[in-house]
Amino acid sequence: MAFMQIIEYETTREQELEPLFDEWEQATEGKRTLSREFHAHDRDNPNHYVDVVEFPSYEAAMKNNSLPETQSFADRLRELCTSEPRFINLDVVSQH
């Protein structure tokens, strides 16, 4: 069963986000289990961001989460945030 995670966070340091994402992508090449990722900016709230990430399964997501590079990325992302990120974990029950 596919698994998706929605990550909501706020930051005033948006110029530091893209290099952080690029660094993680390079560091996890050939290791990450991520199928797709959408990085979005809230049009109505300039400090609000939402990332939607998709994995083939919950187990694949946990494998990705346990990568040292992912843990380092998450710690650094938290440092850029004005509050703790919010995670929503979703089992995909259907796709149309």
N, C-alpha and C. Protein backbone atom coordinates (compact mmCIF):
# COMPACT_ATOMS: atom_id res chain seq x y z
N MET A 1 0.85 -1.17 0.00
CA MET A 1 0.00 0.00 0.00
C MET A 1 0.90 1.24 0.00
N ALA A 2 0.62 2.17 -0.90
CA ALA A 2 1.38 3.42 -0.96
C ALA A 2 1.16 4.22 0.33
N PHE A 3 2.13 5.05 0.64
CA PHE A 3 2.11 5.86 1.85
C PHE A 3 2.52 7.28 1.49
N MET A 4 1.79 8.24 2.05
CA MET A 4 2.11 9.65 1.82
C MET A 4 2.28 10.35 3.16
N GLN A 5 3.12 11.35 3.14
CA GLN A 5 3.30 12.16 4.34
C GLN A 5 3.19 13.62 3.92
N ILE A 6 2.41 14.36 4.70
CA ILE A 6 2.29 15.80 4.50
C ILE A 6 3.04 16.46 5.65
N ILE A 7 3.94 17.35 5.31
CA ILE A 7 4.75 18.05 6.31
C ILE A 7 4.46 19.54 6.16
N GLU A 8 3.92 20.12 7.22
CA GLU A 8 3.63 21.55 7.23
C GLU A 8 4.62 22.24 8.16
N TYR A 9 5.11 23.39 7.72
CA TYR A 9 6.04 24.13 8.57
C TYR A 9 6.05 25.60 8.16
N GLU A 10 6.56 26.41 9.08
CA GLU A 10 6.68 27.84 8.82
C GLU A 10 8.12 28.26 9.02
N THR A 11 8.56 29.16 8.16
CA THR A 11 9.91 29.69 8.25
C THR A 11 9.96 31.10 7.67
N THR A 12 10.85 31.88 8.19
CA THR A 12 11.14 33.20 7.63
C THR A 12 12.49 33.15 6.91
N ARG A 13 13.06 31.96 6.82
CA ARG A 13 14.38 31.76 6.21
C ARG A 13 14.26 30.93 4.93
N GLU A 14 13.27 31.30 4.11
CA GLU A 14 12.96 30.52 2.91
C GLU A 14 14.13 30.41 1.94
N GLN A 15 15.02 31.40 1.92
CA GLN A 15 16.16 31.35 0.99
C GLN A 15 17.12 30.22 1.33
N GLU A 16 17.02 29.66 2.53
CA GLU A 16 17.90 28.57 2.93
C GLU A 16 17.26 27.19 2.68
N LEU A 17 16.00 27.16 2.27
CA LEU A 17 15.31 25.89 2.06
C LEU A 17 15.82 25.12 0.84
N GLU A 18 15.86 25.76 -0.30
CA GLU A 18 16.21 25.07 -1.54
C GLU A 18 17.61 24.44 -1.49
N PRO A 19 18.63 25.17 -1.00
CA PRO A 19 19.94 24.52 -0.89
C PRO A 19 19.91 23.30 0.05
N LEU A 20 19.11 23.35 1.09
CA LEU A 20 18.99 22.24 2.02
C LEU A 20 18.36 21.03 1.33
N PHE A 21 17.29 21.24 0.56
CA PHE A 21 16.65 20.17 -0.20
C PHE A 21 17.62 19.58 -1.23
N ASP A 22 18.35 20.45 -1.93
CA ASP A 22 19.31 19.99 -2.93
C ASP A 22 20.41 19.14 -2.30
N GLU A 23 20.90 19.57 -1.15
CA GLU A 23 21.95 18.83 -0.46
C GLU A 23 21.46 17.44 -0.04
N TRP A 24 20.24 17.36 0.49
CA TRP A 24 19.68 16.07 0.88
C TRP A 24 19.53 15.16 -0.34
N GLU A 25 19.03 15.72 -1.43
CA GLU A 25 18.84 14.93 -2.64
C GLU A 25 20.15 14.33 -3.13
N GLN A 26 21.19 15.11 -3.13
CA GLN A 26 22.51 14.62 -3.56
C GLN A 26 23.05 13.58 -2.59
N ALA A 27 22.90 13.82 -1.29
CA ALA A 27 23.45 12.93 -0.27
C ALA A 27 22.74 11.59 -0.22
N THR A 28 21.49 11.53 -0.66
CA THR A 28 20.72 10.28 -0.58
C THR A 28 20.57 9.59 -1.93
N GLU A 29 21.28 10.06 -2.93
CA GLU A 29 21.20 9.46 -4.26
C GLU A 29 21.48 7.97 -4.17
N GLY A 30 20.57 7.15 -4.69
CA GLY A 30 20.72 5.70 -4.68
C GLY A 30 20.31 5.04 -3.37
N LYS A 31 19.97 5.83 -2.35
CA LYS A 31 19.59 5.28 -1.04
C LYS A 31 18.14 5.59 -0.67
N ARG A 32 17.66 6.75 -1.08
CA ARG A 32 16.33 7.17 -0.64
C ARG A 32 15.25 6.32 -1.29
N THR A 33 14.14 6.19 -0.59
CA THR A 33 13.03 5.36 -1.07
C THR A 33 11.84 6.20 -1.51
N LEU A 34 12.00 7.47 -1.56
CA LEU A 34 10.98 8.43 -1.95
C LEU A 34 10.56 8.21 -3.40
N SER A 35 9.25 8.15 -3.65
CA SER A 35 8.74 8.02 -5.02
C SER A 35 8.56 9.38 -5.68
N ARG A 36 7.92 10.29 -4.93
CA ARG A 36 7.65 11.65 -5.44
C ARG A 36 7.65 12.62 -4.28
N GLU A 37 7.94 13.88 -4.62
CA GLU A 37 7.90 14.93 -3.60
C GLU A 37 7.38 16.21 -4.24
N PHE A 38 6.52 16.89 -3.50
CA PHE A 38 6.04 18.20 -3.89
C PHE A 38 6.40 19.18 -2.77
N HIS A 39 7.09 20.22 -3.11
CA HIS A 39 7.44 21.27 -2.14
C HIS A 39 6.61 22.49 -2.54
N ALA A 40 5.73 22.91 -1.65
CA ALA A 40 4.78 23.98 -2.00
C ALA A 40 4.83 25.12 -1.00
N HIS A 41 4.54 26.30 -1.51
CA HIS A 41 4.50 27.52 -0.72
C HIS A 41 3.06 28.02 -0.67
N ASP A 42 2.59 28.34 0.50
CA ASP A 42 1.23 28.81 0.71
C ASP A 42 1.08 30.21 0.10
N ARG A 43 0.22 30.33 -0.87
CA ARG A 43 0.01 31.61 -1.54
C ARG A 43 -0.53 32.69 -0.60
N ASP A 44 -1.29 32.28 0.41
CA ASP A 44 -1.94 33.23 1.30
C ASP A 44 -1.16 33.51 2.59
N ASN A 45 -0.16 32.71 2.87
CA ASN A 45 0.65 32.90 4.07
C ASN A 45 2.11 32.74 3.66
N PRO A 46 2.84 33.83 3.53
CA PRO A 46 4.19 33.78 2.96
C PRO A 46 5.21 32.98 3.76
N ASN A 47 4.93 32.65 5.00
CA ASN A 47 5.88 31.88 5.81
C ASN A 47 5.50 30.40 5.94
N HIS A 48 4.39 30.00 5.30
CA HIS A 48 3.87 28.64 5.43
C HIS A 48 4.25 27.80 4.22
N TYR A 49 4.79 26.61 4.48
CA TYR A 49 5.19 25.68 3.44
C TYR A 49 4.57 24.32 3.71
N VAL A 50 4.34 23.58 2.64
CA VAL A 50 3.80 22.23 2.74
C VAL A 50 4.59 21.34 1.78
N ASP A 51 5.08 20.24 2.31
CA ASP A 51 5.74 19.23 1.48
C ASP A 51 4.86 17.99 1.49
N VAL A 52 4.63 17.43 0.32
CA VAL A 52 3.89 16.18 0.20
C VAL A 52 4.87 15.18 -0.39
N VAL A 53 5.12 14.11 0.35
CA VAL A 53 6.06 13.10 -0.10
C VAL A 53 5.35 11.76 -0.21
N GLU A 54 5.69 11.01 -1.23
CA GLU A 54 5.04 9.72 -1.50
C GLU A 54 6.09 8.62 -1.50
N PHE A 55 5.72 7.50 -0.93
CA PHE A 55 6.57 6.32 -0.85
C PHE A 55 5.78 5.10 -1.32
N PRO A 56 6.48 4.05 -1.76
CA PRO A 56 5.76 2.85 -2.18
C PRO A 56 5.02 2.18 -1.02
N SER A 57 5.50 2.39 0.22
CA SER A 57 4.87 1.76 1.38
C SER A 57 5.31 2.51 2.64
N TYR A 58 4.62 2.22 3.73
CA TYR A 58 5.01 2.77 5.03
C TYR A 58 6.41 2.30 5.40
N GLU A 59 6.70 1.04 5.13
CA GLU A 59 8.01 0.47 5.45
C GLU A 59 9.12 1.19 4.68
N ALA A 60 8.86 1.53 3.42
CA ALA A 60 9.84 2.28 2.64
C ALA A 60 10.05 3.68 3.23
N ALA A 61 8.98 4.28 3.71
CA ALA A 61 9.09 5.60 4.34
C ALA A 61 9.94 5.52 5.60
N MET A 62 9.75 4.48 6.39
CA MET A 62 10.53 4.32 7.62
C MET A 62 12.00 4.06 7.31
N LYS A 63 12.25 3.32 6.24
CA LYS A 63 13.64 3.08 5.81
C LYS A 63 14.28 4.41 5.40
N ASN A 64 13.55 5.22 4.66
CA ASN A 64 14.05 6.53 4.24
C ASN A 64 14.30 7.43 5.46
N ASN A 65 13.36 7.38 6.41
CA ASN A 65 13.46 8.20 7.61
C ASN A 65 14.69 7.82 8.44
N SER A 66 15.08 6.55 8.40
CA SER A 66 16.20 6.11 9.23
C SER A 66 17.57 6.41 8.61
N LEU A 67 17.60 6.90 7.37
CA LEU A 67 18.88 7.28 6.77
C LEU A 67 19.51 8.41 7.59
N PRO A 68 20.79 8.34 7.90
CA PRO A 68 21.45 9.42 8.64
C PRO A 68 21.30 10.77 7.93
N GLU A 69 21.31 10.74 6.60
CA GLU A 69 21.17 11.99 5.83
C GLU A 69 19.79 12.61 6.03
N THR A 70 18.77 11.76 6.15
CA THR A 70 17.41 12.26 6.39
C THR A 70 17.30 12.82 7.79
N GLN A 71 17.90 12.16 8.77
CA GLN A 71 17.87 12.66 10.14
C GLN A 71 18.57 14.01 10.24
N SER A 72 19.71 14.14 9.59
CA SER A 72 20.44 15.41 9.58
C SER A 72 19.62 16.51 8.89
N PHE A 73 19.00 16.16 7.76
CA PHE A 73 18.14 17.09 7.05
C PHE A 73 17.01 17.58 7.95
N ALA A 74 16.34 16.65 8.64
CA ALA A 74 15.21 17.01 9.51
C ALA A 74 15.66 17.94 10.63
N ASP A 75 16.82 17.67 11.21
CA ASP A 75 17.34 18.54 12.27
C ASP A 75 17.61 19.94 11.75
N ARG A 76 18.21 20.00 10.58
CA ARG A 76 18.53 21.31 9.99
C ARG A 76 17.26 22.06 9.57
N LEU A 77 16.26 21.33 9.07
CA LEU A 77 14.99 21.96 8.71
C LEU A 77 14.34 22.56 9.95
N ARG A 78 14.34 21.81 11.04
CA ARG A 78 13.75 22.32 12.29
C ARG A 78 14.41 23.62 12.73
N GLU A 79 15.71 23.73 12.52
CA GLU A 79 16.44 24.95 12.89
C GLU A 79 15.97 26.16 12.08
N LEU A 80 15.48 25.91 10.88
CA LEU A 80 15.00 27.00 10.02
C LEU A 80 13.55 27.39 10.32
N CYS A 81 12.85 26.54 11.04
CA CYS A 81 11.42 26.75 11.30
C CYS A 81 11.18 27.67 12.49
N THR A 82 10.05 28.36 12.42
CA THR A 82 9.64 29.22 13.54
C THR A 82 8.84 28.45 14.58
N SER A 83 8.39 27.23 14.22
CA SER A 83 7.71 26.33 15.16
C SER A 83 7.96 24.91 14.68
N GLU A 84 7.59 23.95 15.51
CA GLU A 84 7.82 22.54 15.17
C GLU A 84 6.99 22.14 13.94
N PRO A 85 7.61 21.47 12.96
CA PRO A 85 6.84 20.99 11.81
C PRO A 85 5.73 20.03 12.23
N ARG A 86 4.67 20.01 11.45
CA ARG A 86 3.53 19.11 11.69
C ARG A 86 3.55 18.02 10.62
N PHE A 87 3.45 16.77 11.05
CA PHE A 87 3.47 15.62 10.14
C PHE A 87 2.11 14.95 10.12
N ILE A 88 1.62 14.67 8.92
CA ILE A 88 0.37 13.92 8.73
C ILE A 88 0.74 12.68 7.93
N ASN A 89 0.49 11.50 8.50
CA ASN A 89 0.85 10.23 7.86
C ASN A 89 -0.38 9.57 7.27
N LEU A 90 -0.30 9.26 5.98
CA LEU A 90 -1.49 8.79 5.26
C LEU A 90 -1.23 7.48 4.51
N ASP A 91 -2.03 6.48 4.77
CA ASP A 91 -2.04 5.28 3.92
C ASP A 91 -2.94 5.59 2.73
N VAL A 92 -2.44 5.38 1.54
CA VAL A 92 -3.21 5.65 0.33
C VAL A 92 -4.16 4.48 0.11
N VAL A 93 -5.45 4.77 0.14
CA VAL A 93 -6.45 3.70 -0.03
C VAL A 93 -6.93 3.57 -1.48
N SER A 94 -6.79 4.64 -2.26
CA SER A 94 -7.11 4.55 -3.68
C SER A 94 -6.51 5.73 -4.42
N GLN A 95 -6.32 5.55 -5.70
CA GLN A 95 -5.83 6.60 -6.59
C GLN A 95 -6.73 6.60 -7.83
N HIS A 96 -7.06 7.79 -8.30
CA HIS A 96 -7.93 7.90 -9.49
C HIS A 96 -7.25 8.73 -10.54
